[in-house]
Amino acid sequence: MNTPTNNLTITGRITEIGTQAQGENWQKQDFTIETLEQFSKLVNIHVWNDKIEQLTRCRIGDVVLCRINISSRKHENRYYTELTAWKVEVDFNRMRSEAPAENLKP
């Protein structure tokens, strides 16, 4: 069975944006989101190279929709899993629906 992995998404509020790391031919930046479920989870995600531009449009506190790839590698009998975002976009509809209503006085 062939299971597609290019349609995985995760939504959450940005809690932290890390600094960029770079090498000779690459750039990488991590960010952390808190999921919006009853028992929220912190999830660390990274973006590479030209995808960093998408992250620069986001701020801490923004609700974002991330389209991700998941990969794991084995090192010394332990597995390490990474989430790499290939698209990061602010979810303005979700942010509007969660905004507190203003108290208007007559």
Protein backbone atom coordinates (compact mmCIF):
# COMPACT_ATOMS: atom_id res chain seq x y z
CA MET A 1 0.00 0.00 0.00
CA ASN A 2 1.33 3.41 -0.95
CA THR A 3 0.54 6.00 1.74
CA PRO A 4 0.96 9.62 0.67
CA THR A 5 2.87 11.79 3.15
CA ASN A 6 2.56 15.10 1.35
CA ASN A 7 -0.82 16.05 2.78
CA LEU A 8 -0.02 16.15 6.50
CA THR A 9 -1.07 19.34 8.27
CA ILE A 10 -0.81 20.67 11.79
CA THR A 11 -2.39 23.81 13.20
CA GLY A 12 -1.29 25.73 16.26
CA ARG A 13 -0.31 29.02 17.81
CA ILE A 14 3.34 30.05 17.43
CA THR A 15 5.03 30.18 20.83
CA GLU A 16 8.64 30.56 19.75
CA ILE A 17 10.63 31.41 16.64
CA GLY A 18 14.28 30.39 16.73
CA THR A 19 17.24 32.02 15.08
CA GLN A 20 18.45 30.96 11.66
CA ALA A 21 21.30 28.51 11.31
CA GLN A 22 23.21 28.33 8.07
CA GLY A 23 25.93 26.44 6.35
CA GLU A 24 27.69 26.89 3.06
CA ASN A 25 24.67 25.91 0.92
CA TRP A 26 21.74 25.80 3.31
CA GLN A 27 19.69 27.73 5.88
CA LYS A 28 17.41 26.34 8.56
CA GLN A 29 15.07 27.92 11.12
CA ASP A 30 13.05 26.25 13.86
CA PHE A 31 9.76 27.38 15.36
CA THR A 32 7.44 25.93 17.98
CA ILE A 33 3.66 25.81 17.95
CA GLU A 34 1.13 24.86 20.60
CA THR A 35 -1.70 22.81 19.17
CA LEU A 36 -5.26 24.04 19.67
CA GLU A 37 -6.80 20.89 21.09
CA GLN A 38 -8.18 20.29 24.58
CA PHE A 39 -4.87 18.82 25.76
CA SER A 40 -2.48 20.94 23.73
CA LYS A 41 0.98 19.81 22.75
CA LEU A 42 4.13 21.74 21.94
CA VAL A 43 5.54 20.78 18.53
CA ASN A 44 8.88 21.91 17.13
CA ILE A 45 9.01 22.28 13.35
CA HIS A 46 11.71 23.57 11.03
CA VAL A 47 11.85 25.17 7.61
CA TRP A 48 14.71 25.08 5.13
CA ASN A 49 16.16 27.57 2.64
CA ASP A 50 13.51 29.48 0.64
CA LYS A 51 10.69 28.34 2.97
CA ILE A 52 12.14 30.59 5.70
CA GLU A 53 10.52 33.51 3.88
CA GLN A 54 7.08 32.08 4.74
CA LEU A 55 8.02 32.02 8.42
CA THR A 56 9.19 35.65 8.37
CA ARG A 57 5.56 36.67 7.71
CA CYS A 58 4.51 35.10 11.03
CA ARG A 59 4.70 36.46 14.57
CA ILE A 60 4.58 34.86 18.00
CA GLY A 61 0.90 34.40 18.86
CA ASP A 62 -0.23 33.85 15.27
CA VAL A 63 -2.30 30.75 14.53
CA VAL A 64 -0.66 28.97 11.61
CA LEU A 65 -1.48 26.06 9.35
CA CYS A 66 1.65 24.07 8.54
CA ARG A 67 1.89 21.52 5.77
CA ILE A 68 4.61 19.15 6.85
CA ASN A 69 6.72 16.13 6.02
CA ILE A 70 7.78 13.75 8.79
CA SER A 71 11.04 11.85 8.66
CA SER A 72 12.96 9.70 11.11
CA ARG A 73 16.52 8.51 11.23
CA LYS A 74 18.20 5.93 13.40
CA HIS A 75 21.41 6.68 15.26
CA GLU A 76 22.94 4.33 17.83
CA ASN A 77 19.71 2.32 18.19
CA ARG A 78 17.59 5.44 18.81
CA TYR A 79 15.17 7.08 16.41
CA TYR A 80 15.05 10.83 15.88
CA THR A 81 12.01 12.31 14.19
CA GLU A 82 11.86 15.68 12.44
CA LEU A 83 8.93 17.70 11.17
CA THR A 84 9.79 19.87 8.18
CA ALA A 85 7.27 22.44 6.97
CA TRP A 86 7.04 23.02 3.24
CA LYS A 87 4.24 25.56 3.63
CA VAL A 88 3.47 27.86 6.56
CA GLU A 89 0.50 30.20 6.42
CA VAL A 90 -1.28 32.32 8.99
CA ASP A 91 -4.83 31.05 9.60
CA PHE A 92 -6.62 34.41 9.77
CA ASN A 93 -10.07 32.78 9.93
CA ARG A 94 -9.10 30.79 13.02
CA MET A 95 -7.52 33.86 14.63
CA ARG A 96 -10.67 35.92 14.07
CA SER A 97 -12.93 33.23 15.53
CA GLU A 98 -10.76 32.97 18.66
CA ALA A 99 -10.45 36.73 19.22
CA PRO A 100 -12.21 37.88 22.41
CA ALA A 101 -15.36 39.88 21.81
CA GLU A 102 -15.05 43.54 22.72
CA ASN A 103 -17.17 44.74 25.60
CA LEU A 104 -19.25 47.58 24.27
CA LYS A 105 -20.92 49.91 26.78
CA PRO A 106 -24.09 51.73 25.74
